[in-house]
């Protein structure tokens, strides 16, 4: 039969190891969190400039609620102060998880640019749906954009990436959501 010391000593040692590890992880998080936040902010600012070309500045951001979900959007302005358009960050479920997309929508309601902020799609074909070749197909489109297969894109549609239909659908859904949000923004006209 084991004594209390034989049972308690390993438990106390294990508790101490867990306490030290937890403390070190918390300290690491405190040190890295501001750096990560600054990097994410810089990445988002660069993406806004990319998806709304010609915009010289962006405001601090606004919130809009659609179907019970809050979204943040930014207004972009030309050098003369005229409204260039809006940027929206939206997401949709893809094959490997959520695909997060930033979409630029001009003051006229047409897509001006698209950038994939994060995605975990299958390397190779799935990731191609978040690549610039596919994303560029949306530029100039407005309204609800249809996704088609096998080169049969409608007038206001795009062809899916062959072999990555689910990922292509997720990107299209995220962009369509941005276009719907554009119609809900009070300042869009």
Protein backbone atom coordinates (compact mmCIF):
# COMPACT_ATOMS: atom_id res chain seq x y z
CA UNK A 1 0.00 0.00 0.00
CA UNK A 2 1.30 3.44 -0.92
CA UNK A 3 1.83 6.05 1.70
CA UNK A 4 0.36 9.52 1.59
CA UNK A 5 3.81 10.91 0.76
CA UNK A 6 4.16 8.59 -2.26
CA UNK A 7 0.80 9.76 -3.61
CA UNK A 8 0.99 13.43 -2.66
CA UNK A 9 4.57 14.18 -3.76
CA UNK A 10 4.07 13.38 -7.48
CA UNK A 11 0.78 15.28 -7.47
CA UNK A 12 2.43 18.37 -5.94
CA UNK A 13 5.33 18.18 -8.39
CA UNK A 14 2.93 17.83 -11.34
CA UNK A 15 0.87 20.77 -10.05
CA UNK A 16 4.02 22.91 -9.75
CA UNK A 17 5.11 22.02 -13.29
CA UNK A 18 1.64 22.92 -14.64
CA UNK A 19 1.64 26.19 -12.67
CA UNK A 20 5.05 27.21 -14.06
CA UNK A 21 4.06 26.27 -17.62
CA UNK A 22 0.79 28.19 -17.37
CA UNK A 23 2.54 31.24 -15.95
CA UNK A 24 5.13 31.20 -18.75
CA UNK A 25 2.41 30.88 -21.40
CA UNK A 26 0.47 33.79 -19.88
CA UNK A 27 3.59 35.97 -19.81
CA UNK A 28 4.40 35.05 -23.41
CA UNK A 29 0.87 35.98 -24.42
CA UNK A 30 1.13 39.35 -22.65
CA UNK A 31 4.36 40.13 -24.49
CA UNK A 32 3.27 38.95 -27.94
CA UNK A 33 -0.40 40.08 -27.97
CA UNK A 34 0.35 43.75 -28.72
CA UNK A 35 2.82 42.78 -31.44
CA UNK A 36 0.30 40.42 -33.04
CA UNK A 37 -2.45 43.06 -32.84
CA UNK A 38 -0.19 45.66 -34.47
CA UNK A 39 0.74 43.24 -37.26
CA UNK A 40 -2.91 42.32 -37.88
CA UNK A 41 -3.81 46.01 -38.02
CA UNK A 42 -1.01 46.70 -40.50
CA UNK A 43 -2.03 43.71 -42.65
CA UNK A 44 -5.66 44.87 -42.68
CA UNK A 45 -4.62 48.42 -43.66
CA UNK A 46 -2.50 47.05 -46.52
CA UNK A 47 -5.40 44.85 -47.66
CA UNK A 48 -7.78 47.84 -47.62
CA UNK A 49 -5.39 49.78 -49.85
CA UNK A 50 -5.11 46.78 -52.17
CA UNK A 51 -8.84 46.09 -52.56
CA UNK A 52 -9.83 49.74 -52.97
CA UNK A 53 -7.15 51.05 -55.32
CA UNK A 54 -6.99 54.79 -55.66
CA UNK A 55 -8.25 55.43 -52.15
CA UNK A 56 -5.83 57.74 -50.39
CA UNK A 57 -7.22 57.37 -46.87
CA UNK A 58 -9.67 55.34 -44.82
CA UNK A 59 -11.82 56.28 -41.87
CA UNK A 60 -11.75 54.59 -38.47
CA UNK A 61 -14.39 52.05 -39.39
CA UNK A 62 -18.10 51.53 -38.80
CA UNK A 63 -20.29 48.68 -37.66
CA UNK A 64 -23.30 47.33 -39.50
CA UNK A 65 -25.59 44.52 -38.36
CA UNK A 66 -26.95 42.09 -40.91
CA UNK A 67 -28.94 38.96 -40.02
CA UNK A 68 -27.91 39.33 -36.39
CA UNK A 69 -24.17 39.48 -37.11
CA UNK A 70 -22.06 42.60 -36.78
CA UNK A 71 -19.60 43.48 -39.52
CA UNK A 72 -17.02 46.25 -39.61
CA UNK A 73 -16.60 48.25 -42.78
CA UNK A 74 -14.34 51.13 -43.76
CA UNK A 75 -14.97 54.05 -46.06
CA UNK A 76 -12.14 54.93 -48.42
CA UNK A 77 -11.59 58.43 -49.79
CA UNK A 78 -9.71 59.93 -52.72
CA UNK A 79 -7.19 62.74 -52.12
CA UNK A 80 -9.91 65.33 -52.80
CA UNK A 81 -12.10 63.85 -50.03
CA UNK A 82 -14.59 62.23 -52.40
CA UNK A 83 -15.86 58.78 -51.43
CA UNK A 84 -13.93 56.05 -53.28
CA UNK A 85 -15.90 53.15 -51.81
CA UNK A 86 -16.00 50.69 -48.95
CA UNK A 87 -14.12 47.66 -47.71
CA UNK A 88 -15.86 44.75 -46.01
CA UNK A 89 -14.36 41.75 -44.24
CA UNK A 90 -16.58 38.69 -44.51
CA UNK A 91 -16.19 34.93 -44.26
CA UNK A 92 -17.82 31.73 -45.41
CA UNK A 93 -17.25 28.06 -44.68
CA UNK A 94 -14.93 26.36 -47.13
CA UNK A 95 -13.66 22.79 -47.40
CA UNK A 96 -10.97 23.21 -44.74
CA UNK A 97 -12.61 25.86 -42.55
CA UNK A 98 -13.61 29.49 -42.81
CA UNK A 99 -12.30 31.57 -45.69
CA UNK A 100 -11.93 35.21 -44.60
CA UNK A 101 -12.12 37.68 -47.48
CA UNK A 102 -11.74 41.45 -47.69
CA UNK A 103 -13.72 42.94 -50.56
CA UNK A 104 -13.46 46.45 -51.92
CA UNK A 105 -16.69 47.86 -53.31
CA UNK A 106 -16.58 51.12 -55.24
CA UNK A 107 -19.07 53.92 -54.72
CA UNK A 108 -20.87 52.55 -57.81
CA UNK A 109 -21.42 49.14 -56.14
CA UNK A 110 -18.91 47.18 -58.24
CA UNK A 111 -16.13 45.04 -56.79
CA UNK A 112 -12.81 46.91 -57.01
CA UNK A 113 -10.59 44.24 -55.48
CA UNK A 114 -10.56 41.11 -53.35
CA UNK A 115 -7.98 39.80 -50.90
CA UNK A 116 -7.94 36.54 -48.92
CA UNK A 117 -7.02 37.40 -45.33
CA UNK A 118 -7.00 33.84 -44.06
CA UNK A 119 -7.92 30.41 -45.29
CA UNK A 120 -7.15 26.82 -44.43
CA UNK A 121 -8.16 25.20 -47.67
CA UNK A 122 -6.42 22.15 -49.07
CA UNK A 123 -2.96 23.05 -50.35
CA UNK A 124 -2.98 22.98 -54.13
CA UNK A 125 -6.43 23.15 -55.67
CA UNK A 126 -8.40 24.43 -52.66
CA UNK A 127 -5.90 27.19 -51.97
CA UNK A 128 -6.14 28.31 -55.62
CA UNK A 129 -9.66 29.53 -54.87
CA UNK A 130 -8.09 32.09 -52.52
CA UNK A 131 -5.37 33.01 -55.01
CA UNK A 132 -5.16 36.18 -57.05
CA UNK A 133 -6.04 34.39 -60.30
CA UNK A 134 -9.48 33.41 -59.04
CA UNK A 135 -10.07 36.51 -56.92
CA UNK A 136 -9.37 38.78 -59.89
CA UNK A 137 -12.38 37.32 -61.71
CA UNK A 138 -14.71 39.23 -59.37
CA UNK A 139 -13.38 42.72 -60.14
CA UNK A 140 -15.96 44.85 -61.92
CA UNK A 141 -18.88 42.62 -60.92
CA UNK A 142 -21.82 43.88 -58.87
CA UNK A 143 -25.07 42.54 -57.46
CA UNK A 144 -25.19 38.84 -56.67
CA UNK A 145 -22.40 36.98 -58.42
CA UNK A 146 -23.17 33.47 -59.66
CA UNK A 147 -20.65 30.63 -59.52
CA UNK A 148 -20.61 28.16 -62.38
CA UNK A 149 -18.70 25.07 -63.37
CA UNK A 150 -17.02 24.01 -66.59
CA UNK A 151 -16.63 27.40 -68.29
CA UNK A 152 -20.32 28.24 -68.36
CA UNK A 153 -20.22 31.47 -66.36
CA UNK A 154 -23.27 33.67 -66.57
CA UNK A 155 -22.94 37.34 -67.48
CA UNK A 156 -22.59 38.30 -63.81
CA UNK A 157 -20.81 35.14 -62.80
CA UNK A 158 -17.42 33.50 -62.46
CA UNK A 159 -16.14 30.04 -63.21
CA UNK A 160 -15.21 27.91 -60.19
CA UNK A 161 -11.68 26.61 -59.82
CA UNK A 162 -11.73 23.09 -61.24
CA UNK A 163 -11.47 20.58 -58.40
CA UNK A 164 -12.10 23.24 -55.75
CA UNK A 165 -15.82 23.86 -56.04
CA UNK A 166 -16.43 24.07 -52.27
CA UNK A 167 -13.59 26.55 -51.79
CA UNK A 168 -14.72 28.57 -54.82
CA UNK A 169 -18.25 28.64 -53.42
CA UNK A 170 -16.99 29.89 -50.04
CA UNK A 171 -15.07 32.75 -51.66
CA UNK A 172 -18.08 33.66 -53.80
CA UNK A 173 -20.41 33.59 -50.78
CA UNK A 174 -18.08 35.88 -48.81
CA UNK A 175 -17.89 38.35 -51.71
CA UNK A 176 -21.66 38.24 -52.25
CA UNK A 177 -22.14 38.97 -48.55
CA UNK A 178 -19.91 42.03 -48.92
CA UNK A 179 -22.04 43.18 -51.87
CA UNK A 180 -25.20 42.71 -49.80
CA UNK A 181 -23.63 44.66 -46.93
CA UNK A 182 -22.85 47.46 -49.40
CA UNK A 183 -26.57 47.81 -50.11
CA UNK A 184 -27.23 48.03 -46.35
CA UNK A 185 -24.68 50.81 -45.70
CA UNK A 186 -26.51 54.11 -45.22
CA UNK A 187 -23.70 56.14 -46.85
CA UNK A 188 -23.49 54.17 -50.10
CA UNK A 189 -25.44 56.64 -52.15
